[in-house]
Structures are given as C-alpha cells and as structure tokens.
Amino acid sequence: MLALPKHIGADVATYDSPDNRIPKRILRCIADFTEIPEEDIAIGIDGCCVPNFALPIHSMAKSFINLLNPINFPEPTQAAAKRIVTAMMNHPELIGGSNASTPK
C-alpha cells in the first residue's frame, strides 16, 4: 500500500484514508477478481487503520482462480497476475506468515 501511491503519484501521507485513491483502486481490483460489484463489498478498518474488504469465502476462492488463470482480464492485468503468482511460488515464505513452514 505504500509503493502504489509512489508509483501512481498519490498522496503517501494519507494512503490509509478511505478517500485516498489507493483503497479505491484496491477495492476495484478486489471487485474485478472476486466478480462482486464494489458496492456489495463491505469495508471495515483493521488495527492498523487501513480499509479491509469483507467477502464471502467462495468469492475469495474465485479471486484466487482468477489470479491463477486471468484469461478474462486485459493483457497488462494478465501479465501482472502471472508475475504475482510466480513471485508467490518462488518465495512462499514471504506470504505464509510467521507460523508457516518452510518448504524443503
């Protein structure tokens, strides 16, 4: 969330505000990948003050399917999804949390 405002020229100081472009772009991306309209996604604030998006489990699963197989997205989004999946596969320790086991 801190790299994106620098990349797109948004205000870094207010990146955690619901009115900042960053949470709005993240919401749009989540809506696209989960195939749920933005207005149907509940938004809450976590302990570090950034917006979080509440989704049904089946919608979260749909987003992972779309991440792994982004054929219905424009080419730049497909390329980005492939880079994300490759990074996750090559470095699972970076996304597994502190209690994740390291692959052998």
N, C-alpha and C. Protein backbone atom coordinates (compact mmCIF):
# COMPACT_ATOMS: atom_id res chain seq x y z
N MET A 1 0.81 -1.20 0.00
CA MET A 1 0.00 0.00 0.00
C MET A 1 0.86 1.26 0.00
N LEU A 2 2.12 1.15 0.34
CA LEU A 2 2.99 2.33 0.32
C LEU A 2 3.69 2.50 -1.02
N ALA A 3 3.93 1.41 -1.72
CA ALA A 3 4.60 1.52 -3.02
C ALA A 3 3.64 2.06 -4.08
N LEU A 4 2.39 1.66 -4.03
CA LEU A 4 1.44 2.08 -5.05
C LEU A 4 1.26 3.59 -5.11
N PRO A 5 1.10 4.32 -3.99
CA PRO A 5 0.94 5.77 -4.12
C PRO A 5 2.16 6.43 -4.76
N LYS A 6 3.34 5.93 -4.44
CA LYS A 6 4.53 6.49 -5.07
C LYS A 6 4.52 6.21 -6.57
N HIS A 7 4.08 5.02 -6.94
CA HIS A 7 4.05 4.61 -8.35
C HIS A 7 3.05 5.43 -9.16
N ILE A 8 1.89 5.75 -8.58
CA ILE A 8 0.85 6.46 -9.34
C ILE A 8 0.76 7.94 -9.00
N GLY A 9 1.64 8.43 -8.12
CA GLY A 9 1.62 9.85 -7.79
C GLY A 9 0.51 10.24 -6.82
N ALA A 10 0.08 9.31 -5.99
CA ALA A 10 -0.96 9.62 -4.99
C ALA A 10 -0.29 10.06 -3.69
N ASP A 11 -1.09 10.61 -2.80
CA ASP A 11 -0.59 11.12 -1.53
C ASP A 11 -0.21 9.96 -0.60
N VAL A 12 1.07 9.84 -0.29
CA VAL A 12 1.56 8.77 0.59
C VAL A 12 1.14 9.01 2.03
N ALA A 13 1.05 10.27 2.44
CA ALA A 13 0.74 10.59 3.84
C ALA A 13 -0.66 10.13 4.24
N THR A 14 -1.57 10.04 3.28
CA THR A 14 -2.95 9.64 3.61
C THR A 14 -3.34 8.34 2.92
N TYR A 15 -2.37 7.47 2.66
CA TYR A 15 -2.65 6.23 1.94
C TYR A 15 -3.68 5.37 2.66
N ASP A 16 -3.81 5.52 3.99
CA ASP A 16 -4.74 4.69 4.75
C ASP A 16 -6.14 5.28 4.85
N SER A 17 -6.36 6.44 4.27
CA SER A 17 -7.68 7.07 4.31
C SER A 17 -8.59 6.43 3.27
N PRO A 18 -9.84 6.14 3.62
CA PRO A 18 -10.77 5.58 2.65
C PRO A 18 -11.00 6.50 1.44
N ASP A 19 -10.69 7.80 1.60
CA ASP A 19 -10.88 8.73 0.50
C ASP A 19 -9.67 8.80 -0.44
N ASN A 20 -8.56 8.17 -0.06
CA ASN A 20 -7.37 8.17 -0.90
C ASN A 20 -7.61 7.25 -2.10
N ARG A 21 -6.91 7.53 -3.19
CA ARG A 21 -7.04 6.71 -4.40
C ARG A 21 -6.61 5.26 -4.19
N ILE A 22 -5.72 5.02 -3.24
CA ILE A 22 -5.17 3.68 -3.05
C ILE A 22 -6.24 2.68 -2.62
N PRO A 23 -6.96 2.91 -1.51
CA PRO A 23 -8.01 1.94 -1.15
C PRO A 23 -9.09 1.81 -2.23
N LYS A 24 -9.36 2.88 -2.94
CA LYS A 24 -10.36 2.83 -4.01
C LYS A 24 -9.89 1.92 -5.15
N ARG A 25 -8.61 2.01 -5.50
CA ARG A 25 -8.07 1.15 -6.56
C ARG A 25 -8.01 -0.30 -6.10
N ILE A 26 -7.67 -0.51 -4.83
CA ILE A 26 -7.62 -1.87 -4.31
C ILE A 26 -9.04 -2.46 -4.31
N LEU A 27 -10.02 -1.67 -3.91
CA LEU A 27 -11.41 -2.13 -3.93
C LEU A 27 -11.82 -2.52 -5.35
N ARG A 28 -11.47 -1.71 -6.32
CA ARG A 28 -11.82 -2.01 -7.71
C ARG A 28 -11.17 -3.32 -8.16
N CYS A 29 -9.92 -3.52 -7.78
CA CYS A 29 -9.20 -4.75 -8.13
C CYS A 29 -9.85 -5.96 -7.46
N ILE A 30 -10.19 -5.83 -6.20
CA ILE A 30 -10.84 -6.93 -5.49
C ILE A 30 -12.19 -7.24 -6.13
N ALA A 31 -12.94 -6.21 -6.48
CA ALA A 31 -14.22 -6.42 -7.15
C ALA A 31 -14.03 -7.16 -8.48
N ASP A 32 -13.02 -6.77 -9.23
CA ASP A 32 -12.76 -7.43 -10.52
C ASP A 32 -12.41 -8.90 -10.33
N PHE A 33 -11.51 -9.19 -9.40
CA PHE A 33 -11.04 -10.57 -9.24
C PHE A 33 -12.06 -11.47 -8.54
N THR A 34 -12.88 -10.91 -7.65
CA THR A 34 -13.90 -11.71 -6.96
C THR A 34 -15.20 -11.77 -7.74
N GLU A 35 -15.32 -10.90 -8.74
CA GLU A 35 -16.54 -10.80 -9.57
C GLU A 35 -17.75 -10.38 -8.74
N ILE A 36 -17.49 -9.50 -7.76
CA ILE A 36 -18.55 -8.93 -6.93
C ILE A 36 -18.56 -7.42 -7.18
N PRO A 37 -19.72 -6.80 -7.36
CA PRO A 37 -19.76 -5.34 -7.53
C PRO A 37 -19.17 -4.63 -6.31
N GLU A 38 -18.46 -3.55 -6.55
CA GLU A 38 -17.83 -2.78 -5.46
C GLU A 38 -18.82 -2.46 -4.35
N GLU A 39 -20.02 -2.06 -4.71
CA GLU A 39 -21.00 -1.63 -3.71
C GLU A 39 -21.49 -2.80 -2.83
N ASP A 40 -21.21 -4.03 -3.23
CA ASP A 40 -21.60 -5.19 -2.44
C ASP A 40 -20.48 -5.70 -1.52
N ILE A 41 -19.34 -5.02 -1.54
CA ILE A 41 -18.22 -5.42 -0.70
C ILE A 41 -18.20 -4.56 0.55
N ALA A 42 -18.32 -5.20 1.71
CA ALA A 42 -18.31 -4.47 2.98
C ALA A 42 -16.88 -4.03 3.29
N ILE A 43 -16.75 -2.87 3.89
CA ILE A 43 -15.44 -2.32 4.22
C ILE A 43 -15.37 -2.06 5.72
N GLY A 44 -14.29 -2.53 6.33
CA GLY A 44 -14.05 -2.30 7.75
C GLY A 44 -12.63 -1.80 7.92
N ILE A 45 -12.30 -1.38 9.12
CA ILE A 45 -10.96 -0.87 9.42
C ILE A 45 -10.30 -1.82 10.41
N ASP A 46 -9.06 -2.23 10.10
CA ASP A 46 -8.36 -3.14 11.00
C ASP A 46 -7.55 -2.37 12.04
N GLY A 47 -6.75 -3.08 12.80
CA GLY A 47 -5.98 -2.47 13.87
C GLY A 47 -4.92 -1.49 13.42
N CYS A 48 -4.55 -1.51 12.14
CA CYS A 48 -3.55 -0.55 11.67
C CYS A 48 -4.18 0.55 10.83
N CYS A 49 -5.49 0.67 10.90
CA CYS A 49 -6.24 1.80 10.32
C CYS A 49 -6.41 1.77 8.82
N VAL A 50 -6.08 0.67 8.15
CA VAL A 50 -6.31 0.62 6.71
C VAL A 50 -7.60 -0.11 6.42
N PRO A 51 -8.29 0.27 5.34
CA PRO A 51 -9.53 -0.41 5.00
C PRO A 51 -9.29 -1.89 4.67
N ASN A 52 -10.20 -2.73 5.13
CA ASN A 52 -10.21 -4.15 4.79
C ASN A 52 -11.54 -4.46 4.14
N PHE A 53 -11.54 -5.43 3.28
CA PHE A 53 -12.70 -5.73 2.48
C PHE A 53 -13.25 -7.10 2.86
N ALA A 54 -14.52 -7.14 3.27
CA ALA A 54 -15.16 -8.38 3.71
C ALA A 54 -15.84 -9.05 2.53
N LEU A 55 -15.53 -10.33 2.37
CA LEU A 55 -16.04 -11.10 1.24
C LEU A 55 -16.45 -12.49 1.69
N PRO A 56 -17.42 -13.08 1.01
CA PRO A 56 -17.72 -14.48 1.29
C PRO A 56 -16.52 -15.35 0.88
N ILE A 57 -16.35 -16.47 1.54
CA ILE A 57 -15.23 -17.37 1.25
C ILE A 57 -15.22 -17.79 -0.22
N HIS A 58 -16.40 -18.10 -0.78
CA HIS A 58 -16.42 -18.54 -2.17
C HIS A 58 -15.93 -17.44 -3.12
N SER A 59 -16.13 -16.19 -2.75
CA SER A 59 -15.64 -15.08 -3.58
C SER A 59 -14.12 -14.95 -3.46
N MET A 60 -13.60 -15.20 -2.27
CA MET A 60 -12.14 -15.20 -2.11
C MET A 60 -11.53 -16.31 -2.98
N ALA A 61 -12.17 -17.48 -2.97
CA ALA A 61 -11.68 -18.58 -3.79
C ALA A 61 -11.72 -18.20 -5.27
N LYS A 62 -12.80 -17.54 -5.69
CA LYS A 62 -12.92 -17.10 -7.08
C LYS A 62 -11.78 -16.15 -7.45
N SER A 63 -11.39 -15.29 -6.51
CA SER A 63 -10.30 -14.35 -6.80
C SER A 63 -8.98 -15.09 -7.03
N PHE A 64 -8.75 -16.18 -6.28
CA PHE A 64 -7.53 -16.96 -6.49
C PHE A 64 -7.58 -17.69 -7.82
N ILE A 65 -8.74 -18.18 -8.19
CA ILE A 65 -8.89 -18.81 -9.51
C ILE A 65 -8.55 -17.79 -10.60
N ASN A 66 -9.09 -16.59 -10.47
CA ASN A 66 -8.82 -15.54 -11.47
C ASN A 66 -7.36 -15.09 -11.45
N LEU A 67 -6.73 -15.13 -10.29
CA LEU A 67 -5.32 -14.79 -10.22
C LEU A 67 -4.49 -15.84 -10.95
N LEU A 68 -4.81 -17.10 -10.76
CA LEU A 68 -4.08 -18.19 -11.40
C LEU A 68 -4.37 -18.31 -12.89
N ASN A 69 -5.57 -17.93 -13.29
CA ASN A 69 -5.99 -18.06 -14.68
C ASN A 69 -6.72 -16.78 -15.11
N PRO A 70 -5.97 -15.70 -15.34
CA PRO A 70 -6.58 -14.39 -15.58
C PRO A 70 -7.01 -14.13 -17.04
N ILE A 71 -7.54 -15.15 -17.70
CA ILE A 71 -7.82 -15.03 -19.14
C ILE A 71 -8.89 -13.99 -19.47
N ASN A 72 -9.73 -13.62 -18.52
CA ASN A 72 -10.80 -12.65 -18.80
C ASN A 72 -10.40 -11.21 -18.53
N PHE A 73 -9.12 -10.98 -18.27
CA PHE A 73 -8.62 -9.65 -17.96
C PHE A 73 -7.78 -9.12 -19.11
N PRO A 74 -7.61 -7.79 -19.17
CA PRO A 74 -6.74 -7.22 -20.20
C PRO A 74 -5.30 -7.74 -20.05
N GLU A 75 -4.54 -7.69 -21.12
CA GLU A 75 -3.18 -8.23 -21.12
C GLU A 75 -2.31 -7.68 -20.02
N PRO A 76 -2.33 -6.36 -19.71
CA PRO A 76 -1.48 -5.88 -18.61
C PRO A 76 -1.83 -6.52 -17.26
N THR A 77 -3.12 -6.76 -17.03
CA THR A 77 -3.55 -7.41 -15.79
C THR A 77 -3.14 -8.88 -15.79
N GLN A 78 -3.24 -9.53 -16.94
CA GLN A 78 -2.79 -10.92 -17.05
C GLN A 78 -1.29 -11.02 -16.73
N ALA A 79 -0.52 -10.10 -17.29
CA ALA A 79 0.93 -10.12 -17.05
C ALA A 79 1.24 -9.87 -15.57
N ALA A 80 0.52 -8.94 -14.95
CA ALA A 80 0.74 -8.66 -13.53
C ALA A 80 0.37 -9.88 -12.69
N ALA A 81 -0.74 -10.53 -13.01
CA ALA A 81 -1.16 -11.71 -12.26
C ALA A 81 -0.11 -12.82 -12.38
N LYS A 82 0.43 -12.99 -13.56
CA LYS A 82 1.47 -14.01 -13.74
C LYS A 82 2.72 -13.68 -12.92
N ARG A 83 3.10 -12.40 -12.86
CA ARG A 83 4.25 -12.01 -12.04
C ARG A 83 3.98 -12.28 -10.56
N ILE A 84 2.77 -11.98 -10.10
CA ILE A 84 2.41 -12.21 -8.70
C ILE A 84 2.46 -13.70 -8.37
N VAL A 85 1.85 -14.52 -9.22
CA VAL A 85 1.84 -15.96 -8.97
C VAL A 85 3.26 -16.51 -8.98
N THR A 86 4.07 -16.09 -9.91
CA THR A 86 5.46 -16.55 -9.97
C THR A 86 6.20 -16.17 -8.70
N ALA A 87 6.03 -14.94 -8.24
CA ALA A 87 6.69 -14.50 -7.01
C ALA A 87 6.22 -15.31 -5.81
N MET A 88 4.93 -15.59 -5.74
CA MET A 88 4.38 -16.38 -4.63
C MET A 88 4.92 -17.81 -4.66
N MET A 89 5.04 -18.38 -5.84
CA MET A 89 5.54 -19.74 -5.96
C MET A 89 7.04 -19.82 -5.65
N ASN A 90 7.77 -18.80 -6.06
CA ASN A 90 9.21 -18.79 -5.83
C ASN A 90 9.60 -18.40 -4.41
N HIS A 91 8.72 -17.68 -3.72
CA HIS A 91 9.04 -17.20 -2.37
C HIS A 91 7.84 -17.36 -1.43
N PRO A 92 7.38 -18.58 -1.20
CA PRO A 92 6.19 -18.78 -0.36
C PRO A 92 6.39 -18.31 1.08
N GLU A 93 7.63 -18.26 1.52
CA GLU A 93 7.90 -17.80 2.89
C GLU A 93 7.53 -16.34 3.09
N LEU A 94 7.43 -15.58 2.02
CA LEU A 94 7.08 -14.16 2.14
C LEU A 94 5.58 -13.92 2.26
N ILE A 95 4.78 -14.93 2.00
CA ILE A 95 3.32 -14.76 2.09
C ILE A 95 2.68 -15.69 3.12
N GLY A 96 3.47 -16.60 3.70
CA GLY A 96 2.92 -17.61 4.58
C GLY A 96 2.70 -17.21 6.01
N GLY A 97 3.19 -16.05 6.40
CA GLY A 97 3.04 -15.65 7.80
C GLY A 97 4.14 -16.24 8.66
N SER A 98 4.17 -15.83 9.90
CA SER A 98 5.27 -16.21 10.80
C SER A 98 5.19 -17.66 11.25
N ASN A 99 4.04 -18.30 11.14
CA ASN A 99 3.91 -19.69 11.57
C ASN A 99 3.95 -20.69 10.42
N ALA A 100 4.20 -20.20 9.21
CA ALA A 100 4.23 -21.09 8.04
C ALA A 100 5.50 -21.93 8.05
N SER A 101 5.36 -23.15 7.60
CA SER A 101 6.56 -24.00 7.50
C SER A 101 7.28 -23.66 6.20
N THR A 102 8.57 -23.79 6.21
CA THR A 102 9.39 -23.52 5.05
C THR A 102 9.48 -24.78 4.21
N PRO A 103 9.23 -24.67 2.88
CA PRO A 103 9.33 -25.87 2.04
C PRO A 103 10.75 -26.42 2.05
N LYS A 104 10.87 -27.71 1.95
CA LYS A 104 12.19 -28.35 1.97
C LYS A 104 12.68 -28.64 0.59
